[in-house]
Amino acid sequence: MASLAIALGSAQRADAQTAAPARDVALAESYAERAFEAYARREYATALELYKQAYDAAPSADALYNIARVYDLGLRDRPLAINHYRRYLSDPGALPERIGRASQRL
């Protein structure tokens, strides 16, 4: 699912790098790539843990969105999906098209 890929745009990458060392951003991207692959294999619990590790390494709106999507569409855990969609919507890095999707899912 392409919408689950973590895509750190140049502005978000710059923000993430000021908030965390560059090695943390690279680590986050590595976790996110592995999470995307796990999600594609329908290994939702693994994908969730990897996206959480990505967020811990370099917090980003993208990671929050991906966590929400795994809870929502993979694990079907509405309360946790709602919590993470709300966190995503309050993040300054939230993207307009994802804001619309997150709002619809709420």
PDB file of N, CA and C in Angstrom:
ATOM      1  N   MET A   1       0.844  -1.162   0.000  1.00  0.00           N
ATOM      2  CA  MET A   1       0.000   0.000   0.000  1.00  0.00           C
ATOM      3  C   MET A   1       0.894   1.232   0.000  1.00  0.00           C
ATOM      4  N   ALA A   2       0.858   1.948  -1.098  1.00  0.00           N
ATOM      5  CA  ALA A   2       1.763   3.076  -1.292  1.00  0.00           C
ATOM      6  C   ALA A   2       1.600   4.146  -0.232  1.00  0.00           C
ATOM      7  N   SER A   3       0.373   4.326   0.277  1.00  0.00           N
ATOM      8  CA  SER A   3       0.171   5.380   1.268  1.00  0.00           C
ATOM      9  C   SER A   3       0.877   5.074   2.580  1.00  0.00           C
ATOM     10  N   LEU A   4       1.313   3.828   2.775  1.00  0.00           N
ATOM     11  CA  LEU A   4       2.008   3.484   4.003  1.00  0.00           C
ATOM     12  C   LEU A   4       3.507   3.740   3.929  1.00  0.00           C
ATOM     13  N   ALA A   5       4.005   4.022   2.752  1.00  0.00           N
ATOM     14  CA  ALA A   5       5.435   4.297   2.624  1.00  0.00           C
ATOM     15  C   ALA A   5       5.748   5.602   3.330  1.00  0.00           C
ATOM     16  N   ILE A   6       6.800   5.591   4.091  1.00  0.00           N
ATOM     17  CA  ILE A   6       7.181   6.825   4.768  1.00  0.00           C
ATOM     18  C   ILE A   6       7.950   7.669   3.765  1.00  0.00           C
ATOM     19  N   ALA A   7       7.471   8.857   3.561  1.00  0.00           N
ATOM     20  CA  ALA A   7       8.096   9.738   2.581  1.00  0.00           C
ATOM     21  C   ALA A   7       8.480  11.023   3.283  1.00  0.00           C
ATOM     22  N   LEU A   8       9.715  11.142   3.621  1.00  0.00           N
ATOM     23  CA  LEU A   8      10.183  12.356   4.275  1.00  0.00           C
ATOM     24  C   LEU A   8      10.561  13.360   3.198  1.00  0.00           C
ATOM     25  N   GLY A   9       9.700  14.347   3.000  1.00  0.00           N
ATOM     26  CA  GLY A   9       9.970  15.390   2.026  1.00  0.00           C
ATOM     27  C   GLY A   9      11.145  16.231   2.470  1.00  0.00           C
ATOM     28  N   SER A  10      11.662  17.057   1.584  1.00  0.00           N
ATOM     29  CA  SER A  10      12.857  17.825   1.924  1.00  0.00           C
ATOM     30  C   SER A  10      12.621  18.748   3.103  1.00  0.00           C
ATOM     31  N   ALA A  11      11.439  19.365   3.191  1.00  0.00           N
ATOM     32  CA  ALA A  11      11.166  20.248   4.334  1.00  0.00           C
ATOM     33  C   ALA A  11      11.061  19.437   5.614  1.00  0.00           C
ATOM     34  N   GLN A  12      10.375  18.297   5.555  1.00  0.00           N
ATOM     35  CA  GLN A  12      10.253  17.464   6.742  1.00  0.00           C
ATOM     36  C   GLN A  12      11.595  16.869   7.118  1.00  0.00           C
ATOM     37  N   ARG A  13      12.390  16.509   6.123  1.00  0.00           N
ATOM     38  CA  ARG A  13      13.711  15.950   6.397  1.00  0.00           C
ATOM     39  C   ARG A  13      14.557  16.992   7.126  1.00  0.00           C
ATOM     40  N   ALA A  14      14.489  18.231   6.685  1.00  0.00           N
ATOM     41  CA  ALA A  14      15.249  19.293   7.349  1.00  0.00           C
ATOM     42  C   ALA A  14      14.774  19.458   8.784  1.00  0.00           C
ATOM     43  N   ASP A  15      13.451  19.434   8.992  1.00  0.00           N
ATOM     44  CA  ASP A  15      12.917  19.542  10.349  1.00  0.00           C
ATOM     45  C   ASP A  15      13.364  18.368  11.201  1.00  0.00           C
ATOM     46  N   ALA A  16      13.298  17.171  10.659  1.00  0.00           N
ATOM     47  CA  ALA A  16      13.696  15.982  11.405  1.00  0.00           C
ATOM     48  C   ALA A  16      15.176  16.027  11.752  1.00  0.00           C
ATOM     49  N   GLN A  17      15.992  16.537  10.837  1.00  0.00           N
ATOM     50  CA  GLN A  17      17.417  16.577  11.096  1.00  0.00           C
ATOM     51  C   GLN A  17      17.770  17.612  12.148  1.00  0.00           C
ATOM     52  N   THR A  18      17.003  18.681  12.250  1.00  0.00           N
ATOM     53  CA  THR A  18      17.281  19.637  13.308  1.00  0.00           C
ATOM     54  C   THR A  18      16.816  19.097  14.650  1.00  0.00           C
ATOM     55  N   ALA A  19      15.787  18.229  14.628  1.00  0.00           N
ATOM     56  CA  ALA A  19      15.271  17.660  15.866  1.00  0.00           C
ATOM     57  C   ALA A  19      16.070  16.423  16.297  1.00  0.00           C
ATOM     58  N   ALA A  20      16.721  15.749  15.363  1.00  0.00           N
ATOM     59  CA  ALA A  20      17.459  14.525  15.665  1.00  0.00           C
ATOM     60  C   ALA A  20      18.709  14.476  14.787  1.00  0.00           C
ATOM     61  N   PRO A  21      19.740  13.826  15.269  1.00  0.00           N
ATOM     62  CA  PRO A  21      20.943  13.690  14.441  1.00  0.00           C
ATOM     63  C   PRO A  21      20.625  12.963  13.135  1.00  0.00           C
ATOM     64  N   ALA A  22      21.415  13.245  12.095  1.00  0.00           N
ATOM     65  CA  ALA A  22      21.182  12.660  10.776  1.00  0.00           C
ATOM     66  C   ALA A  22      21.157  11.138  10.842  1.00  0.00           C
ATOM     67  N   ARG A  23      21.975  10.536  11.689  1.00  0.00           N
ATOM     68  CA  ARG A  23      21.977   9.077  11.782  1.00  0.00           C
ATOM     69  C   ARG A  23      20.636   8.570  12.265  1.00  0.00           C
ATOM     70  N   ASP A  24      19.914   9.346  13.085  1.00  0.00           N
ATOM     71  CA  ASP A  24      18.595   8.943  13.547  1.00  0.00           C
ATOM     72  C   ASP A  24      17.584   8.978  12.403  1.00  0.00           C
ATOM     73  N   VAL A  25      17.686   9.955  11.518  1.00  0.00           N
ATOM     74  CA  VAL A  25      16.795  10.031  10.362  1.00  0.00           C
ATOM     75  C   VAL A  25      17.049   8.838   9.451  1.00  0.00           C
ATOM     76  N   ALA A  26      18.308   8.525   9.224  1.00  0.00           N
ATOM     77  CA  ALA A  26      18.637   7.367   8.395  1.00  0.00           C
ATOM     78  C   ALA A  26      18.118   6.086   9.041  1.00  0.00           C
ATOM     79  N   LEU A  27      18.251   5.984  10.344  1.00  0.00           N
ATOM     80  CA  LEU A  27      17.740   4.823  11.063  1.00  0.00           C
ATOM     81  C   LEU A  27      16.222   4.754  10.946  1.00  0.00           C
ATOM     82  N   ALA A  28      15.566   5.892  11.097  1.00  0.00           N
ATOM     83  CA  ALA A  28      14.106   5.937  10.960  1.00  0.00           C
ATOM     84  C   ALA A  28      13.671   5.486   9.574  1.00  0.00           C
ATOM     85  N   GLU A  29      14.367   5.938   8.565  1.00  0.00           N
ATOM     86  CA  GLU A  29      14.030   5.541   7.194  1.00  0.00           C
ATOM     87  C   GLU A  29      14.240   4.044   6.987  1.00  0.00           C
ATOM     88  N   SER A  30      15.269   3.490   7.604  1.00  0.00           N
ATOM     89  CA  SER A  30      15.516   2.053   7.515  1.00  0.00           C
ATOM     90  C   SER A  30      14.382   1.266   8.176  1.00  0.00           C
ATOM     91  N   TYR A  31      13.990   1.701   9.375  1.00  0.00           N
ATOM     92  CA  TYR A  31      12.861   1.054  10.057  1.00  0.00           C
ATOM     93  C   TYR A  31      11.588   1.158   9.217  1.00  0.00           C
ATOM     94  N   ALA A  32      11.342   2.333   8.666  1.00  0.00           N
ATOM     95  CA  ALA A  32      10.125   2.551   7.883  1.00  0.00           C
ATOM     96  C   ALA A  32      10.095   1.670   6.636  1.00  0.00           C
ATOM     97  N   GLU A  33      11.239   1.518   5.992  1.00  0.00           N
ATOM     98  CA  GLU A  33      11.301   0.655   4.814  1.00  0.00           C
ATOM     99  C   GLU A  33      10.974  -0.788   5.185  1.00  0.00           C
ATOM    100  N   ARG A  34      11.541  -1.252   6.290  1.00  0.00           N
ATOM    101  CA  ARG A  34      11.248  -2.613   6.749  1.00  0.00           C
ATOM    102  C   ARG A  34       9.785  -2.740   7.175  1.00  0.00           C
ATOM    103  N   ALA A  35       9.229  -1.696   7.771  1.00  0.00           N
ATOM    104  CA  ALA A  35       7.820  -1.712   8.174  1.00  0.00           C
ATOM    105  C   ALA A  35       6.911  -1.810   6.953  1.00  0.00           C
ATOM    106  N   PHE A  36       7.229  -1.053   5.920  1.00  0.00           N
ATOM    107  CA  PHE A  36       6.446  -1.099   4.684  1.00  0.00           C
ATOM    108  C   PHE A  36       6.450  -2.511   4.107  1.00  0.00           C
ATOM    109  N   GLU A  37       7.604  -3.143   4.101  1.00  0.00           N
ATOM    110  CA  GLU A  37       7.710  -4.515   3.588  1.00  0.00           C
ATOM    111  C   GLU A  37       6.912  -5.486   4.446  1.00  0.00           C
ATOM    112  N   ALA A  38       6.969  -5.322   5.762  1.00  0.00           N
ATOM    113  CA  ALA A  38       6.197  -6.188   6.662  1.00  0.00           C
ATOM    114  C   ALA A  38       4.702  -6.000   6.435  1.00  0.00           C
ATOM    115  N   TYR A  39       4.284  -4.756   6.250  1.00  0.00           N
ATOM    116  CA  TYR A  39       2.866  -4.487   5.995  1.00  0.00           C
ATOM    117  C   TYR A  39       2.429  -5.168   4.701  1.00  0.00           C
ATOM    118  N   ALA A  40       3.257  -5.113   3.685  1.00  0.00           N
ATOM    119  CA  ALA A  40       2.931  -5.744   2.401  1.00  0.00           C
ATOM    120  C   ALA A  40       2.770  -7.258   2.563  1.00  0.00           C
ATOM    121  N   ARG A  41       3.497  -7.834   3.518  1.00  0.00           N
ATOM    122  CA  ARG A  41       3.381  -9.268   3.790  1.00  0.00           C
ATOM    123  C   ARG A  41       2.247  -9.569   4.778  1.00  0.00           C
ATOM    124  N   ARG A  42       1.522  -8.527   5.172  1.00  0.00           N
ATOM    125  CA  ARG A  42       0.419  -8.619   6.140  1.00  0.00           C
ATOM    126  C   ARG A  42       0.899  -9.017   7.535  1.00  0.00           C
ATOM    127  N   GLU A  43       2.116  -8.651   7.840  1.00  0.00           N
ATOM    128  CA  GLU A  43       2.684  -8.855   9.174  1.00  0.00           C
ATOM    129  C   GLU A  43       2.495  -7.554   9.942  1.00  0.00           C
ATOM    130  N   TYR A  44       1.244  -7.303  10.322  1.00  0.00           N
ATOM    131  CA  TYR A  44       0.865  -6.009  10.864  1.00  0.00           C
ATOM    132  C   TYR A  44       1.525  -5.687  12.198  1.00  0.00           C
ATOM    133  N   ALA A  45       1.641  -6.653  13.083  1.00  0.00           N
ATOM    134  CA  ALA A  45       2.281  -6.386  14.377  1.00  0.00           C
ATOM    135  C   ALA A  45       3.748  -5.997  14.177  1.00  0.00           C
ATOM    136  N   THR A  46       4.422  -6.672  13.264  1.00  0.00           N
ATOM    137  CA  THR A  46       5.818  -6.337  12.964  1.00  0.00           C
ATOM    138  C   THR A  46       5.911  -4.949  12.341  1.00  0.00           C
ATOM    139  N   ALA A  47       5.026  -4.673  11.387  1.00  0.00           N
ATOM    140  CA  ALA A  47       5.022  -3.353  10.750  1.00  0.00           C
ATOM    141  C   ALA A  47       4.803  -2.261  11.791  1.00  0.00           C
ATOM    142  N   LEU A  48       3.874  -2.484  12.690  1.00  0.00           N
ATOM    143  CA  LEU A  48       3.584  -1.499  13.727  1.00  0.00           C
ATOM    144  C   LEU A  48       4.807  -1.224  14.585  1.00  0.00           C
ATOM    145  N   GLU A  49       5.472  -2.270  15.048  1.00  0.00           N
ATOM    146  CA  GLU A  49       6.648  -2.085  15.899  1.00  0.00           C
ATOM    147  C   GLU A  49       7.764  -1.355  15.158  1.00  0.00           C
ATOM    148  N   LEU A  50       7.940  -1.675  13.889  1.00  0.00           N
ATOM    149  CA  LEU A  50       8.984  -1.004  13.111  1.00  0.00           C
ATOM    150  C   LEU A  50       8.647   0.468  12.883  1.00  0.00           C
ATOM    151  N   TYR A  51       7.375   0.782  12.615  1.00  0.00           N
ATOM    152  CA  TYR A  51       6.999   2.191  12.462  1.00  0.00           C
ATOM    153  C   TYR A  51       7.173   2.941  13.785  1.00  0.00           C
ATOM    154  N   LYS A  52       6.884   2.287  14.898  1.00  0.00           N
ATOM    155  CA  LYS A  52       7.094   2.922  16.204  1.00  0.00           C
ATOM    156  C   LYS A  52       8.583   3.183  16.435  1.00  0.00           C
ATOM    157  N   GLN A  53       9.421   2.239  16.032  1.00  0.00           N
ATOM    158  CA  GLN A  53      10.865   2.444  16.165  1.00  0.00           C
ATOM    159  C   GLN A  53      11.322   3.588  15.262  1.00  0.00           C
ATOM    160  N   ALA A  54      10.742   3.686  14.082  1.00  0.00           N
ATOM    161  CA  ALA A  54      11.064   4.799  13.180  1.00  0.00           C
ATOM    162  C   ALA A  54      10.695   6.119  13.841  1.00  0.00           C
ATOM    163  N   TYR A  55       9.523   6.169  14.455  1.00  0.00           N
ATOM    164  CA  TYR A  55       9.084   7.397  15.129  1.00  0.00           C
ATOM    165  C   TYR A  55      10.010   7.728  16.295  1.00  0.00           C
ATOM    166  N   ASP A  56      10.396   6.721  17.061  1.00  0.00           N
ATOM    167  CA  ASP A  56      11.301   6.966  18.194  1.00  0.00           C
ATOM    168  C   ASP A  56      12.660   7.473  17.729  1.00  0.00           C
ATOM    169  N   ALA A  57      13.128   6.977  16.577  1.00  0.00           N
ATOM    170  CA  ALA A  57      14.436   7.394  16.062  1.00  0.00           C
ATOM    171  C   ALA A  57      14.408   8.830  15.553  1.00  0.00           C
ATOM    172  N   ALA A  58      13.318   9.214  14.907  1.00  0.00           N
ATOM    173  CA  ALA A  58      13.179  10.564  14.352  1.00  0.00           C
ATOM    174  C   ALA A  58      11.686  10.860  14.209  1.00  0.00           C
ATOM    175  N   PRO A  59      11.074  11.447  15.236  1.00  0.00           N
ATOM    176  CA  PRO A  59       9.636  11.701  15.186  1.00  0.00           C
ATOM    177  C   PRO A  59       9.230  12.478  13.936  1.00  0.00           C
ATOM    178  N   SER A  60       8.144  12.012  13.308  1.00  0.00           N
ATOM    179  CA  SER A  60       7.642  12.689  12.117  1.00  0.00           C
ATOM    180  C   SER A  60       6.150  12.438  11.981  1.00  0.00           C
ATOM    181  N   ALA A  61       5.494  13.344  11.291  1.00  0.00           N
ATOM    182  CA  ALA A  61       4.071  13.176  11.000  1.00  0.00           C
ATOM    183  C   ALA A  61       3.853  11.920  10.165  1.00  0.00           C
ATOM    184  N   ASP A  62       4.758  11.647   9.242  1.00  0.00           N
ATOM    185  CA  ASP A  62       4.624  10.466   8.383  1.00  0.00           C
ATOM    186  C   ASP A  62       4.559   9.186   9.213  1.00  0.00           C
ATOM    187  N   ALA A  63       5.424   9.070  10.191  1.00  0.00           N
ATOM    188  CA  ALA A  63       5.413   7.866  11.028  1.00  0.00           C
ATOM    189  C   ALA A  63       4.099   7.759  11.788  1.00  0.00           C
ATOM    190  N   LEU A  64       3.600   8.879  12.313  1.00  0.00           N
ATOM    191  CA  LEU A  64       2.314   8.849  13.015  1.00  0.00           C
ATOM    192  C   LEU A  64       1.187   8.394  12.095  1.00  0.00           C
ATOM    193  N   TYR A  65       1.195   8.898  10.883  1.00  0.00           N
ATOM    194  CA  TYR A  65       0.174   8.510   9.909  1.00  0.00           C
ATOM    195  C   TYR A  65       0.254   7.014   9.616  1.00  0.00           C
ATOM    196  N   ASN A  66       1.455   6.523   9.414  1.00  0.00           N
ATOM    197  CA  ASN A  66       1.627   5.111   9.107  1.00  0.00           C
ATOM    198  C   ASN A  66       1.210   4.225  10.279  1.00  0.00           C
ATOM    199  N   ILE A  67       1.520   4.643  11.487  1.00  0.00           N
ATOM    200  CA  ILE A  67       1.085   3.904  12.673  1.00  0.00           C
ATOM    201  C   ILE A  67      -0.441   3.866  12.727  1.00  0.00           C
ATOM    202  N   ALA A  68      -1.070   5.000  12.488  1.00  0.00           N
ATOM    203  CA  ALA A  68      -2.533   5.058  12.484  1.00  0.00           C
ATOM    204  C   ALA A  68      -3.114   4.114  11.443  1.00  0.00           C
ATOM    205  N   ARG A  69      -2.522   4.099  10.246  1.00  0.00           N
ATOM    206  CA  ARG A  69      -3.029   3.236   9.168  1.00  0.00           C
ATOM    207  C   ARG A  69      -2.883   1.753   9.518  1.00  0.00           C
ATOM    208  N   VAL A  70      -1.780   1.382  10.150  1.00  0.00           N
ATOM    209  CA  VAL A  70      -1.613  -0.017  10.542  1.00  0.00           C
ATOM    210  C   VAL A  70      -2.667  -0.394  11.577  1.00  0.00           C
ATOM    211  N   TYR A  71      -2.848   0.472  12.584  1.00  0.00           N
ATOM    212  CA  TYR A  71      -3.887   0.190  13.577  1.00  0.00           C
ATOM    213  C   TYR A  71      -5.262   0.106  12.916  1.00  0.00           C
ATOM    214  N   ASP A  72      -5.530   0.998  11.990  1.00  0.00           N
ATOM    215  CA  ASP A  72      -6.838   1.098  11.357  1.00  0.00           C
ATOM    216  C   ASP A  72      -7.096  -0.045  10.378  1.00  0.00           C
ATOM    217  N   LEU A  73      -6.282  -0.146   9.354  1.00  0.00           N
ATOM    218  CA  LEU A  73      -6.555  -1.064   8.249  1.00  0.00           C
ATOM    219  C   LEU A  73      -5.940  -2.452   8.439  1.00  0.00           C
ATOM    220  N   GLY A  74      -4.858  -2.529   9.197  1.00  0.00           N
ATOM    221  CA  GLY A  74      -4.209  -3.818   9.398  1.00  0.00           C
ATOM    222  C   GLY A  74      -4.733  -4.540  10.626  1.00  0.00           C
ATOM    223  N   LEU A  75      -4.605  -3.901  11.774  1.00  0.00           N
ATOM    224  CA  LEU A  75      -4.972  -4.537  13.033  1.00  0.00           C
ATOM    225  C   LEU A  75      -6.435  -4.312  13.432  1.00  0.00           C
ATOM    226  N   ARG A  76      -7.095  -3.391  12.739  1.00  0.00           N
ATOM    227  CA  ARG A  76      -8.511  -3.091  13.010  1.00  0.00           C
ATOM    228  C   ARG A  76      -8.755  -2.694  14.472  1.00  0.00           C
ATOM    229  N   ASP A  77      -7.851  -1.895  15.000  1.00  0.00           N
ATOM    230  CA  ASP A  77      -7.965  -1.393  16.369  1.00  0.00           C
ATOM    231  C   ASP A  77      -8.377   0.077  16.291  1.00  0.00           C
ATOM    232  N   ARG A  78      -9.679   0.311  16.249  1.00  0.00           N
ATOM    233  CA  ARG A  78     -10.206   1.668  16.058  1.00  0.00           C
ATOM    234  C   ARG A  78      -9.755   2.657  17.136  1.00  0.00           C
ATOM    235  N   PRO A  79      -9.823   2.312  18.423  1.00  0.00           N
ATOM    236  CA  PRO A  79      -9.412   3.312  19.425  1.00  0.00           C
ATOM    237  C   PRO A  79      -7.966   3.783  19.244  1.00  0.00           C
ATOM    238  N   LEU A  80      -7.050   2.857  18.980  1.00  0.00           N
ATOM    239  CA  LEU A  80      -5.659   3.268  18.790  1.00  0.00           C
ATOM    240  C   LEU A  80      -5.464   3.966  17.452  1.00  0.00           C
ATOM    241  N   ALA A  81      -6.208   3.556  16.440  1.00  0.00           N
ATOM    242  CA  ALA A  81      -6.141   4.254  15.150  1.00  0.00           C
ATOM    243  C   ALA A  81      -6.605   5.698  15.324  1.00  0.00           C
ATOM    244  N   ILE A  82      -7.711   5.894  16.006  1.00  0.00           N
ATOM    245  CA  ILE A  82      -8.237   7.238  16.242  1.00  0.00           C
ATOM    246  C   ILE A  82      -7.212   8.088  16.984  1.00  0.00           C
ATOM    247  N   ASN A  83      -6.626   7.525  18.027  1.00  0.00           N
ATOM    248  CA  ASN A  83      -5.614   8.250  18.801  1.00  0.00           C
ATOM    249  C   ASN A  83      -4.476   8.725  17.909  1.00  0.00           C
ATOM    250  N   HIS A  84      -3.985   7.846  17.047  1.00  0.00           N
ATOM    251  CA  HIS A  84      -2.843   8.208  16.199  1.00  0.00           C
ATOM    252  C   HIS A  84      -3.242   9.111  15.041  1.00  0.00           C
ATOM    253  N   TYR A  85      -4.449   8.966  14.501  1.00  0.00           N
ATOM    254  CA  TYR A  85      -4.918   9.921  13.487  1.00  0.00           C
ATOM    255  C   TYR A  85      -4.996  11.317  14.108  1.00  0.00           C
ATOM    256  N   ARG A  86      -5.485  11.412  15.323  1.00  0.00           N
ATOM    257  CA  ARG A  86      -5.567  12.727  15.988  1.00  0.00           C
ATOM    258  C   ARG A  86      -4.189  13.307  16.231  1.00  0.00           C
ATOM    259  N   ARG A  87      -3.262  12.466  16.646  1.00  0.00           N
ATOM    260  CA  ARG A  87      -1.884  12.938  16.834  1.00  0.00           C
ATOM    261  C   ARG A  87      -1.316  13.426  15.504  1.00  0.00           C
ATOM    262  N   TYR A  88      -1.594  12.690  14.426  1.00  0.00           N
ATOM    263  CA  TYR A  88      -1.134  13.092  13.101  1.00  0.00           C
ATOM    264  C   TYR A  88      -1.707  14.455  12.738  1.00  0.00           C
ATOM    265  N   LEU A  89      -3.014  14.613  12.925  1.00  0.00           N
ATOM    266  CA  LEU A  89      -3.676  15.864  12.542  1.00  0.00           C
ATOM    267  C   LEU A  89      -3.141  17.067  13.311  1.00  0.00           C
ATOM    268  N   SER A  90      -2.637  16.849  14.506  1.00  0.00           N
ATOM    269  CA  SER A  90      -2.105  17.965  15.300  1.00  0.00           C
ATOM    270  C   SER A  90      -0.624  18.228  15.024  1.00  0.00           C
ATOM    271  N   ASP A  91      -0.001  17.373  14.224  1.00  0.00           N
ATOM    272  CA  ASP A  91       1.423  17.538  13.916  1.00  0.00           C
ATOM    273  C   ASP A  91       1.597  18.593  12.823  1.00  0.00           C
ATOM    274  N   PRO A  92       2.526  19.523  12.994  1.00  0.00           N
ATOM    275  CA  PRO A  92       2.734  20.556  11.971  1.00  0.00           C
ATOM    276  C   PRO A  92       3.224  20.013  10.627  1.00  0.00           C
ATOM    277  N   GLY A  93       3.728  18.787  10.596  1.00  0.00           N
ATOM    278  CA  GLY A  93       4.202  18.200   9.348  1.00  0.00           C
ATOM    279  C   GLY A  93       3.136  17.438   8.565  1.00  0.00           C
ATOM    280  N   ALA A  94       1.899  17.460   9.055  1.00  0.00           N
ATOM    281  CA  ALA A  94       0.814  16.737   8.375  1.00  0.00           C
ATOM    282  C   ALA A  94       0.593  17.311   6.977  1.00  0.00           C
ATOM    283  N   LEU A  95       0.428  16.421   6.004  1.00  0.00           N
ATOM    284  CA  LEU A  95       0.241  16.814   4.602  1.00  0.00           C
ATOM    285  C   LEU A  95      -1.244  16.941   4.269  1.00  0.00           C
ATOM    286  N   PRO A  96      -1.615  17.922   3.432  1.00  0.00           N
ATOM    287  CA  PRO A  96      -3.038  18.164   3.129  1.00  0.00           C
ATOM    288  C   PRO A  96      -3.814  16.927   2.659  1.00  0.00           C
ATOM    289  N   GLU A  97      -3.230  16.135   1.732  1.00  0.00           N
ATOM    290  CA  GLU A  97      -3.967  14.973   1.241  1.00  0.00           C
ATOM    291  C   GLU A  97      -4.145  13.909   2.317  1.00  0.00           C
ATOM    292  N   ARG A  98      -3.175  13.788   3.188  1.00  0.00           N
ATOM    293  CA  ARG A  98      -3.298  12.825   4.285  1.00  0.00           C
ATOM    294  C   ARG A  98      -4.213  13.366   5.383  1.00  0.00           C
ATOM    295  N   ILE A  99      -4.243  14.664   5.555  1.00  0.00           N
ATOM    296  CA  ILE A  99      -5.173  15.256   6.515  1.00  0.00           C
ATOM    297  C   ILE A  99      -6.602  14.875   6.125  1.00  0.00           C
ATOM    298  N   GLY A 100      -6.892  14.963   4.827  1.00  0.00           N
ATOM    299  CA  GLY A 100      -8.215  14.589   4.339  1.00  0.00           C
ATOM    300  C   GLY A 100      -8.528  13.124   4.612  1.00  0.00           C
ATOM    301  N   ARG A 101      -7.580  12.243   4.318  1.00  0.00           N
ATOM    302  CA  ARG A 101      -7.783  10.800   4.551  1.00  0.00           C
ATOM    303  C   ARG A 101      -7.944  10.499   6.031  1.00  0.00           C
ATOM    304  N   ALA A 102      -7.092  11.111   6.855  1.00  0.00           N
ATOM    305  CA  ALA A 102      -7.166  10.878   8.301  1.00  0.00           C
ATOM    306  C   ALA A 102      -8.504  11.384   8.845  1.00  0.00           C
ATOM    307  N   SER A 103      -8.935  12.542   8.380  1.00  0.00           N
ATOM    308  CA  SER A 103     -10.220  13.091   8.833  1.00  0.00           C
ATOM    309  C   SER A 103     -11.374  12.180   8.438  1.00  0.00           C
ATOM    310  N   GLN A 104     -11.327  11.632   7.236  1.00  0.00           N
ATOM    311  CA  GLN A 104     -12.374  10.699   6.788  1.00  0.00           C
ATOM    312  C   GLN A 104     -12.408   9.450   7.659  1.00  0.00           C
ATOM    313  N   ARG A 105     -11.248   8.943   8.023  1.00  0.00           N
ATOM    314  CA  ARG A 105     -11.193   7.725   8.825  1.00  0.00           C
ATOM    315  C   ARG A 105     -11.690   7.975  10.243  1.00  0.00           C
ATOM    316  N   LEU A 106     -11.575   9.205  10.718  1.00  0.00           N
ATOM    317  CA  LEU A 106     -12.089   9.524  12.052  1.00  0.00           C
ATOM    318  C   LEU A 106     -13.601   9.529  12.009  1.00  0.00           C
TER     319      LEU A 106
END
